[in-house]
Amino acid sequence: MQHYYLVTDLGTLAGGASSTASSINDKGQVVGSSQVAGGSNHAFLWDSAAGMRDLGTLPGGNGSGGSGINICGLVAGQSDLGGGGGKTHPFLWSQAGGMQDLGTLPGDNSSAGVAVNACSQVVGNSVLTAGGNLHAFLWTNAAGLTNLGVLPGFTDAGVHAINNLGQVAGYCAVAGAQNRGFTWTSASGMQALRLLPGGLGSDAVGINDLGEIVGSADSGDVAKPHGVLWNNKGFALDLGILPGGSWSTAFCINVFRTVVGNANWSGAGSHAFVWTPQEAMRDLNSFIPANSGWELQAAVGVNIAGQIVGVGTINGQQHAFLLNPQCVC
């Protein structure tokens, strides 16, 4: 059985030259950011029927970005508020209500939404006005924004993902030390993830509904991290690297343990990869036509159907892509 992917160029919003995808849901809807006329970026929602839709900005804003989408089509992201200063707020967008401003944590200056689950829980990051420390938050319609805290010995926490059970994946940081990946639940709070043997640091980036987490960790050389899968017992599996490469990082995992990310290789720059327990890490560029004009640079999302989204270059332009798996039996 041989596999390959059909590549769809998601294009750009009107007037824009570049785009990047951030997430895909199980219906094949994609969110991300695209340049618009004038050079700023706007959040977009893409589907196969309507193509790419501009989600706009919060009132007064100039730019926005889409980061996460749930099965209901709710989109999480961030928008600036205009007026200079770079202040952003997280938003939750719906077809019926448009963009809802989720605010910031008390005392914080700027914040961004990064993911949303099927229960409409949003996670994101907020920056303290004084000192600039990073705070991870969970937003619910009932409670608003809740600070998720920090691991002992660390000063900052950032979040990347939330699954449909409310389990959160992210990292903690402190000056002078390597970051440490964590998982958080409302019952157990924040728990550090295991390091690879000899390792100094890690980052938890994606989580599926089985509680399996992917990200990156090093084995003593912080310049050469590897993609890692932590199972739901907390054990860490090194996903390896591409041939000729030295580093990799994983961004997303579906319930079938298909993992996507990016890694360097024997040539220049980075390539998108897919990893499965059966076939290990493979360069996604080897599964599309050689004359397609594409160089797939990073894969950031994979859904239950095995559809993959990410960013690459098509004839020299940076565009978001969608890969649809095909099979030749």
Protein backbone atom coordinates (compact mmCIF):
# COMPACT_ATOMS: atom_id res chain seq x y z
CA MET A 1 0.00 0.00 0.00
CA GLN A 2 1.43 3.38 -1.03
CA HIS A 3 0.33 6.75 0.29
CA TYR A 4 0.50 10.23 -1.15
CA TYR A 5 -1.17 13.60 -0.57
CA LEU A 6 -3.07 16.00 -2.77
CA VAL A 7 -1.97 19.57 -2.03
CA THR A 8 -4.44 22.42 -1.87
CA ASP A 9 -3.13 25.97 -1.89
CA LEU A 10 -5.35 27.89 0.54
CA GLY A 11 -4.31 31.14 -1.10
CA THR A 12 -4.52 34.54 0.57
CA LEU A 13 -7.11 37.14 1.46
CA ALA A 14 -7.72 39.88 -1.13
CA GLY A 15 -4.66 42.05 -1.59
CA GLY A 16 -2.34 39.81 0.41
CA ALA A 17 0.82 38.07 -0.68
CA SER A 18 1.28 35.48 2.08
CA SER A 19 -0.66 33.27 4.46
CA THR A 20 -0.06 30.65 7.14
CA ALA A 21 -2.34 27.99 8.64
CA SER A 22 -2.59 27.35 12.38
CA SER A 23 -5.19 24.62 12.96
CA ILE A 24 -7.73 22.28 11.35
CA ASN A 25 -10.85 20.72 12.85
CA ASP A 26 -12.40 17.32 12.10
CA LYS A 27 -14.71 18.89 9.51
CA GLY A 28 -11.73 20.10 7.47
CA GLN A 29 -12.15 23.78 8.36
CA VAL A 30 -8.85 25.65 8.63
CA VAL A 31 -7.85 28.80 10.49
CA GLY A 32 -4.76 30.95 10.27
CA SER A 33 -3.54 34.38 9.22
CA SER A 34 -3.24 36.06 5.84
CA GLN A 35 -1.79 39.31 4.68
CA VAL A 36 -4.34 41.81 3.34
CA ALA A 37 -4.01 44.96 1.28
CA GLY A 38 -1.84 47.44 3.15
CA GLY A 39 0.42 44.77 4.64
CA SER A 40 -1.31 43.87 7.92
CA ASN A 41 -2.51 40.34 8.72
CA HIS A 42 -6.08 39.20 9.36
CA ALA A 43 -7.45 36.00 10.82
CA PHE A 44 -9.06 33.72 8.27
CA LEU A 45 -11.44 30.78 8.22
CA TRP A 46 -11.21 28.44 5.22
CA ASP A 47 -13.42 25.60 4.06
CA SER A 48 -13.70 23.73 0.80
CA ALA A 49 -17.10 25.24 -0.05
CA ALA A 50 -16.50 28.94 0.63
CA GLY A 51 -12.73 29.24 0.43
CA MET A 52 -10.93 31.79 2.62
CA ARG A 53 -13.02 34.22 4.72
CA ASP A 54 -11.65 37.35 6.41
CA LEU A 55 -12.67 37.33 10.09
CA GLY A 56 -11.70 40.98 10.56
CA THR A 57 -10.46 42.49 13.82
CA LEU A 58 -11.75 43.69 17.16
CA PRO A 59 -13.16 47.26 17.06
CA GLY A 60 -10.42 49.74 16.19
CA GLY A 61 -7.92 47.03 15.34
CA ASN A 62 -5.64 46.78 12.34
CA GLY A 63 -4.49 43.17 12.51
CA SER A 64 -5.54 39.78 13.82
CA GLY A 65 -4.64 36.12 13.67
CA GLY A 66 -6.59 32.86 13.94
CA SER A 67 -4.95 30.22 16.13
CA GLY A 68 -7.46 27.47 16.94
CA ILE A 69 -10.81 26.07 15.78
CA ASN A 70 -13.18 23.57 17.37
CA ILE A 71 -15.61 21.10 15.83
CA CYS A 72 -18.42 23.68 15.97
CA GLY A 73 -16.45 26.20 13.92
CA LEU A 74 -15.65 28.52 16.85
CA VAL A 75 -12.31 30.27 16.28
CA ALA A 76 -9.82 31.45 18.90
CA GLY A 77 -7.14 34.01 18.16
CA GLN A 78 -5.93 37.50 18.88
CA SER A 79 -6.49 41.00 17.54
CA ASP A 80 -4.77 44.29 18.17
CA LEU A 81 -6.87 47.16 19.48
CA GLY A 82 -5.43 49.91 17.31
CA GLY A 83 -3.91 53.11 18.58
CA GLY A 84 -0.33 51.80 18.56
CA GLY A 85 1.48 50.18 21.47
CA GLY A 86 1.07 46.64 20.17
CA LYS A 87 -1.63 45.70 22.69
CA THR A 88 -3.67 42.64 21.70
CA HIS A 89 -6.68 40.86 23.18
CA PRO A 90 -7.84 37.28 22.68
CA PHE A 91 -11.05 36.68 20.80
CA LEU A 92 -13.59 33.94 20.30
CA TRP A 93 -15.30 34.16 16.90
CA SER A 94 -18.58 32.53 15.93
CA GLN A 95 -20.69 32.63 12.77
CA ALA A 96 -23.61 34.05 14.73
CA GLY A 97 -21.86 36.57 16.97
CA GLY A 98 -18.65 37.52 15.22
CA MET A 99 -15.61 38.42 17.34
CA GLN A 100 -15.95 38.44 21.14
CA ASP A 101 -13.21 40.22 23.12
CA LEU A 102 -12.09 37.97 26.00
CA GLY A 103 -10.04 40.64 27.78
CA THR A 104 -6.88 40.10 29.85
CA LEU A 105 -5.92 38.81 33.27
CA PRO A 106 -5.98 41.43 36.08
CA GLY A 107 -2.87 43.61 35.87
CA ASP A 108 -1.89 42.31 32.47
CA ASN A 109 -1.41 44.47 29.41
CA SER A 110 -1.76 42.23 26.39
CA SER A 111 -3.04 38.73 25.69
CA ALA A 112 -3.75 36.24 22.91
CA GLY A 113 -5.95 33.18 22.46
CA VAL A 114 -4.26 30.08 21.06
CA ALA A 115 -6.75 27.17 21.14
CA VAL A 116 -10.41 26.31 21.76
CA ASN A 117 -12.03 22.94 22.52
CA ALA A 118 -15.47 21.47 21.87
CA CYS A 119 -16.73 22.85 25.20
CA SER A 120 -15.83 26.39 24.04
CA GLN A 121 -12.99 26.60 26.58
CA VAL A 122 -10.22 28.89 25.30
CA VAL A 123 -6.58 28.85 26.39
CA GLY A 124 -4.03 31.53 25.73
CA ASN A 125 -1.26 33.72 27.06
CA SER A 126 -1.26 37.07 28.81
CA VAL A 127 1.66 39.42 29.51
CA LEU A 128 2.03 41.27 32.83
CA THR A 129 2.25 45.03 32.43
CA ALA A 130 5.00 45.38 35.06
CA GLY A 131 7.95 43.05 34.43
CA GLY A 132 6.59 41.38 31.33
CA ASN A 133 6.03 37.93 32.83
CA LEU A 134 3.98 35.52 30.73
CA HIS A 135 0.81 34.00 32.22
CA ALA A 136 -1.14 31.07 30.79
CA PHE A 137 -4.92 31.36 31.07
CA LEU A 138 -8.07 29.33 30.64
CA TRP A 139 -11.25 31.15 29.61
CA THR A 140 -14.79 29.88 30.09
CA ASN A 141 -18.02 31.74 29.50
CA ALA A 142 -18.99 31.24 33.15
CA ALA A 143 -15.71 32.20 34.86
CA GLY A 144 -13.88 34.40 32.37
CA LEU A 145 -10.08 34.21 32.43
CA THR A 146 -8.32 32.04 35.04
CA ASN A 147 -4.56 32.12 35.62
CA LEU A 148 -3.17 28.57 35.37
CA GLY A 149 -0.20 29.33 37.62
CA VAL A 150 3.41 28.19 37.22
CA LEU A 151 5.64 25.24 38.13
CA PRO A 152 7.80 25.67 41.28
CA GLY A 153 11.03 27.49 40.49
CA PHE A 154 9.72 29.08 37.29
CA THR A 155 8.43 32.61 36.68
CA ASP A 156 6.55 32.37 33.38
CA ALA A 157 4.04 29.97 31.84
CA GLY A 158 2.78 29.72 28.28
CA VAL A 159 0.14 27.44 26.79
CA HIS A 160 -0.17 25.90 23.33
CA ALA A 161 -3.15 23.53 23.30
CA ILE A 162 -6.27 22.18 25.04
CA ASN A 163 -8.13 18.95 24.30
CA ASN A 164 -11.85 18.26 24.56
CA LEU A 165 -11.46 16.97 28.13
CA GLY A 166 -9.98 20.27 29.30
CA GLN A 167 -6.39 19.00 29.54
CA VAL A 168 -3.87 21.73 28.68
CA ALA A 169 -0.31 21.52 27.29
CA GLY A 170 2.35 24.22 27.54
CA TYR A 171 5.68 25.22 29.04
CA CYS A 172 7.20 27.11 31.95
CA ALA A 173 10.26 29.37 31.75
CA VAL A 174 12.70 31.16 34.02
CA ALA A 175 15.80 33.24 33.25
CA GLY A 176 19.00 31.19 33.16
CA ALA A 177 17.36 27.78 32.67
CA GLN A 178 15.73 25.73 29.94
CA ASN A 179 11.96 25.67 29.49
CA ARG A 180 9.96 22.77 30.94
CA GLY A 181 6.88 21.28 29.34
CA PHE A 182 3.77 20.78 31.46
CA THR A 183 0.27 19.40 31.42
CA TRP A 184 -2.56 20.99 33.40
CA THR A 185 -5.98 19.77 34.52
CA SER A 186 -8.51 21.36 36.83
CA ALA A 187 -8.22 18.35 39.15
CA SER A 188 -4.42 18.05 39.36
CA GLY A 189 -3.20 21.50 38.44
CA MET A 190 0.12 21.90 36.62
CA GLN A 191 2.43 18.88 36.33
CA ALA A 192 5.91 18.83 34.77
CA LEU A 193 6.52 16.38 31.93
CA ARG A 194 9.44 13.97 32.00
CA LEU A 195 12.64 14.87 30.20
CA LEU A 196 14.51 12.67 27.75
CA PRO A 197 17.56 10.88 29.23
CA GLY A 198 20.27 13.49 29.86
CA GLY A 199 17.87 16.24 28.84
CA LEU A 200 17.74 19.82 30.10
CA GLY A 201 14.45 21.15 28.77
CA SER A 202 11.21 20.50 26.91
CA ASP A 203 8.08 22.10 25.45
CA ALA A 204 4.57 20.58 25.22
CA VAL A 205 2.82 21.83 22.08
CA GLY A 206 -0.08 19.53 21.12
CA ILE A 207 -2.47 17.19 22.97
CA ASN A 208 -5.11 14.72 21.74
CA ASP A 209 -8.26 13.45 23.46
CA LEU A 210 -6.38 10.40 24.81
CA GLY A 211 -4.13 12.72 26.83
CA GLU A 212 -1.12 12.03 24.60
CA ILE A 213 1.15 15.07 24.22
CA VAL A 214 3.70 16.06 21.59
CA GLY A 215 6.36 18.74 21.53
CA SER A 216 10.12 18.80 21.78
CA ALA A 217 12.90 17.97 24.23
CA ASP A 218 16.66 17.76 24.17
CA SER A 219 19.07 15.07 25.32
CA GLY A 220 21.72 17.44 26.63
CA ASP A 221 22.34 19.60 23.55
CA VAL A 222 19.73 22.35 23.68
CA ALA A 223 20.52 23.38 20.08
CA LYS A 224 19.38 19.95 18.83
CA PRO A 225 15.96 19.15 20.30
CA HIS A 226 13.94 16.23 19.00
CA GLY A 227 10.23 15.83 18.54
CA VAL A 228 8.76 13.93 21.49
CA LEU A 229 5.54 12.05 22.23
CA TRP A 230 4.51 11.70 25.88
CA ASN A 231 1.96 8.92 26.36
CA ASN A 232 -0.88 9.30 28.86
CA LYS A 233 1.29 7.69 31.53
CA GLY A 234 3.89 10.41 31.08
CA PHE A 235 6.61 8.35 29.37
CA ALA A 236 8.56 10.22 26.68
CA LEU A 237 9.27 8.75 23.24
CA ASP A 238 11.94 10.36 21.05
CA LEU A 239 10.47 10.75 17.54
CA GLY A 240 13.88 11.21 15.93
CA ILE A 241 14.95 13.44 13.04
CA LEU A 242 14.88 13.51 9.24
CA PRO A 243 17.84 12.04 7.32
CA GLY A 244 20.81 14.39 7.43
CA GLY A 245 19.13 16.63 10.01
CA SER A 246 19.90 17.50 13.63
CA TRP A 247 16.63 18.74 15.15
CA SER A 248 12.88 18.35 14.98
CA THR A 249 9.77 19.54 16.81
CA ALA A 250 6.24 18.13 16.88
CA PHE A 251 3.18 20.39 16.82
CA CYS A 252 0.04 18.23 16.73
CA ILE A 253 -1.19 14.68 17.32
CA ASN A 254 -4.55 13.10 16.45
CA VAL A 255 -6.27 10.20 18.22
CA PHE A 256 -4.64 7.69 15.83
CA ARG A 257 -1.19 8.90 17.00
CA THR A 258 -0.38 10.58 13.71
CA VAL A 259 2.05 13.38 14.57
CA VAL A 260 3.05 16.36 12.44
CA GLY A 261 5.75 18.99 12.81
CA ASN A 262 8.90 20.27 11.17
CA ALA A 263 12.57 19.35 11.13
CA ASN A 264 15.77 20.31 9.39
CA TRP A 265 17.19 17.96 6.80
CA SER A 266 20.24 17.47 4.61
CA GLY A 267 19.37 20.59 2.60
CA ALA A 268 18.77 24.13 3.84
CA GLY A 269 15.88 25.23 6.03
CA SER A 270 13.14 23.01 7.49
CA HIS A 271 10.68 20.52 6.05
CA ALA A 272 7.25 19.44 7.26
CA PHE A 273 7.09 15.89 8.57
CA VAL A 274 4.51 13.24 9.46
CA TRP A 275 5.21 10.54 12.04
CA THR A 276 3.25 7.36 12.73
CA PRO A 277 4.07 4.42 15.01
CA GLN A 278 4.20 2.16 11.94
CA GLU A 279 6.43 4.26 9.68
CA ALA A 280 8.25 6.70 11.97
CA MET A 281 9.24 10.17 10.71
CA ARG A 282 8.87 10.97 7.02
CA ASP A 283 9.39 14.14 5.00
CA LEU A 284 6.00 15.25 3.66
CA ASN A 285 7.70 16.68 0.57
CA SER A 286 8.36 13.09 -0.55
CA PHE A 287 4.59 12.41 -0.70
CA ILE A 288 3.65 15.19 -3.15
CA PRO A 289 4.54 15.53 -6.84
CA ALA A 290 8.14 16.64 -7.34
CA ASN A 291 7.05 19.23 -9.92
CA SER A 292 4.26 20.73 -7.78
CA GLY A 293 6.17 23.96 -7.12
CA TRP A 294 5.69 23.44 -3.34
CA GLU A 295 8.24 23.22 -0.55
CA LEU A 296 6.34 22.18 2.57
CA GLN A 297 8.17 23.81 5.48
CA ALA A 298 6.07 23.08 8.58
CA ALA A 299 2.98 20.98 9.35
CA VAL A 300 1.03 22.39 12.31
CA GLY A 301 -2.27 20.49 12.43
CA VAL A 302 -3.73 17.05 11.66
CA ASN A 303 -7.34 15.94 12.08
CA ILE A 304 -9.07 12.59 12.55
CA ALA A 305 -9.21 12.04 8.77
CA GLY A 306 -5.45 12.54 8.44
CA GLN A 307 -5.80 15.91 6.70
CA ILE A 308 -2.74 18.05 7.42
CA VAL A 309 -2.32 21.83 7.37
CA GLY A 310 0.76 23.97 7.52
CA VAL A 311 2.86 26.53 5.73
CA GLY A 312 5.23 26.32 2.80
CA THR A 313 6.30 28.12 -0.32
CA ILE A 314 4.62 27.78 -3.68
CA ASN A 315 6.68 29.23 -6.51
CA GLY A 316 8.52 31.36 -3.95
CA GLN A 317 5.43 32.71 -2.12
CA GLN A 318 4.60 31.74 1.47
CA HIS A 319 1.13 30.16 1.53
CA ALA A 320 -0.96 27.98 3.82
CA PHE A 321 -1.51 24.45 2.53
CA LEU A 322 -3.94 21.58 3.09
CA LEU A 323 -2.90 17.99 2.43
CA ASN A 324 -5.58 15.38 1.73
CA PRO A 325 -4.35 11.79 2.14
CA GLN A 326 -4.75 9.41 -0.80
CA CYS A 327 -4.06 5.71 -1.09
CA VAL A 328 -2.85 3.58 -4.01
CA CYS A 329 -3.57 -0.04 -3.11
